[in-house]
Amino acid sequence: MLGTCLDNVRKTTPLVHNITNYVTVNDVANILLACGASPIMSDEPEDVEDITSICGGLNINIGTLHRTSIDGMYRAGAKAASLGHKILLDPVGAGASHLRTSTAVGLMEKIPFTVIRGNISEIKTLALGSGTTKGVDADVADKVTDENLDSAVAFAKNFAKDHNCVVAITGAIDLVADADTCYVIRNGRAEMGSITGTGCQLSGMMTAYLVANPDEPLKAAAAAVCAMGLAGEIGWSHMKPEDGNSTYRNRIIDAIYHMDGETLEKGAKYEVR
């Protein structure tokens, strides 16, 4: 049951180290608190090993790279791996620049990620070693649709097998897969795209779910995706005519704050392939 994954986060209050981008760092911290976890943010190379040592999971997001933070990512990743921690990579904008792509690929070569979470364009870039993105959004031709769902599911499973991880491909239809099983998830609202950072928030929250459910990374990742999408639905249902995207951001965080396992279990929309 996916709802159990959420309940386990609230029971265990996992501490998550986030090396995330400065556009969304505050929202990532707030959604971690809302889901019942506890955030720490640090990307200073001289600090990250100590910080990640006291945490249970590491969330690496490459959205606003600089040379110092890249060094911090490698150091924190190596430390987390040595401690057996859950580690997530969010390859924001992979394919948009050489630095982003080479950094993501280099991190994948050195760090045993539990989950890699991105849009289909970013994940294809990592799989193929090249590609293009439009900012941080999936290219239209690369979006997962009902028409190309079978091939997208096969791609996700193959990627997970090749990289010995769970892959979470988010978009209008979300795919969360390991080598053998794929959750096809249909929660969420298109309006979530009007808010900067819902993907970054999901990566932070997903890391908490992984830490709280250490033996079930696939189910934990799927539960986090469903929870975020469901929060988008619940938050939108409370919007008033005068509200805008700033209010919507807060309503999503509030929906995560009030969500319990039963609500998630009832509201999750997925099939397993």
Foldseek 3Di string as FASTA:
>chain_A
DLLVLLVLLQVPQFEEEEAEDPVCPVLLQLLSVLSNHHYDYDQALVCQLVVLVVGQEYEYECLPDDPRSLNSLLNNQVSCVVVVHAYEYELFFQQADPVSVVSVLVCLVRHLHQEYEAAQQNLVCSVVVHGHDDHRDRDPVRHDDPVCPVVVQQVQLVSQAVSVHWYWHDDCWIWTDHNPKIKTWHFADPCVVVDPDLRVNLSSNLSSSCSSVVVCSRSSSLSSVLLLRNLLVQLVVPDDPVDDDVSSSVSSSVSSNPDGSVNSVVRTDIDMD
